[in-house]
Amino acid sequence: MNVQHPSLRVEKLRQHLYQTVSECAGNLAHPQVIAASEALDEAILQDMRQSTVRPHSPTHLTEIGVSAAIAVG
């Protein structure tokens, strides 16, 4: 089994979400977009749980900003 570095997995899921939103004509309520968004959210949470980064560090805020920017479009 190929285990990816958590940050790499988050980046791939972010790219997948972006592509899915494009394929669904920007419809953020489309079931495929919601599924991709949930997968990204879960990966970010897992990455944060495994990380030793403090909750209010710049890295943490950057990850939240990326997720929020994707959600806003």
Protein backbone atom coordinates (compact mmCIF):
# COMPACT_ATOMS: atom_id res chain seq x y z
CA MET A 1 0.00 0.00 0.00
CA ASN A 2 1.36 3.42 -1.00
CA VAL A 3 1.06 5.87 1.91
CA GLN A 4 1.31 9.52 0.89
CA HIS A 5 2.71 12.30 3.03
CA PRO A 6 -0.31 14.04 4.60
CA SER A 7 0.40 17.39 2.95
CA LEU A 8 0.75 15.75 -0.45
CA ARG A 9 -2.57 13.98 0.06
CA VAL A 10 -4.24 17.27 1.01
CA GLU A 11 -2.81 18.96 -2.09
CA LYS A 12 -4.03 16.17 -4.38
CA LEU A 13 -7.50 16.34 -2.85
CA ARG A 14 -7.49 20.13 -3.20
CA GLN A 15 -6.67 19.77 -6.90
CA HIS A 16 -9.37 17.11 -7.25
CA LEU A 17 -11.91 19.45 -5.62
CA TYR A 18 -10.94 22.29 -7.96
CA GLN A 19 -11.28 20.01 -10.99
CA THR A 20 -14.61 18.64 -9.76
CA VAL A 21 -16.01 22.15 -9.25
CA SER A 22 -14.94 23.01 -12.81
CA GLU A 23 -16.53 19.86 -14.21
CA CYS A 24 -19.76 20.61 -12.34
CA ALA A 25 -19.94 24.14 -13.80
CA GLY A 26 -19.21 25.77 -10.45
CA ASN A 27 -22.23 24.16 -8.76
CA LEU A 28 -21.03 23.93 -5.15
CA ALA A 29 -24.16 21.99 -4.18
CA HIS A 30 -23.48 19.20 -6.70
CA PRO A 31 -23.12 15.82 -4.93
CA GLN A 32 -19.69 15.20 -6.49
CA VAL A 33 -18.44 18.59 -5.29
CA ILE A 34 -19.77 17.96 -1.80
CA ALA A 35 -18.09 14.53 -1.69
CA ALA A 36 -14.76 15.98 -2.88
CA SER A 37 -15.03 18.81 -0.34
CA GLU A 38 -15.76 16.39 2.49
CA ALA A 39 -12.77 14.25 1.51
CA LEU A 40 -10.53 17.33 1.56
CA ASP A 41 -11.91 18.45 4.92
CA GLU A 42 -11.28 15.01 6.42
CA ALA A 43 -7.73 14.90 5.06
CA ILE A 44 -6.99 18.35 6.50
CA LEU A 45 -8.36 17.28 9.89
CA GLN A 46 -6.28 14.10 9.86
CA ASP A 47 -3.20 16.08 8.86
CA MET A 48 -3.81 18.54 11.69
CA ARG A 49 -4.31 15.73 14.22
CA GLN A 50 -1.03 14.10 13.20
CA SER A 51 0.85 17.38 13.17
CA THR A 52 2.67 18.88 16.11
CA VAL A 53 1.83 22.37 14.84
CA ARG A 54 0.07 24.58 17.36
CA PRO A 55 -3.56 25.43 16.46
CA HIS A 56 -2.86 29.11 15.80
CA SER A 57 0.37 28.76 13.86
CA PRO A 58 0.75 30.23 10.34
CA THR A 59 0.70 26.71 8.84
CA HIS A 60 -2.65 25.94 10.45
CA LEU A 61 -4.13 29.22 9.26
CA THR A 62 -2.81 28.62 5.73
CA GLU A 63 -4.55 25.24 5.56
CA ILE A 64 -7.80 26.76 6.78
CA GLY A 65 -7.41 29.60 4.27
CA VAL A 66 -6.94 27.17 1.39
CA SER A 67 -10.06 25.24 2.34
CA ALA A 68 -12.09 28.42 2.77
CA ALA A 69 -10.84 29.88 -0.52
CA ILE A 70 -11.92 26.75 -2.35
CA ALA A 71 -15.34 26.83 -0.71
CA VAL A 72 -15.85 30.46 -1.70
CA GLY A 73 -14.66 29.86 -5.23
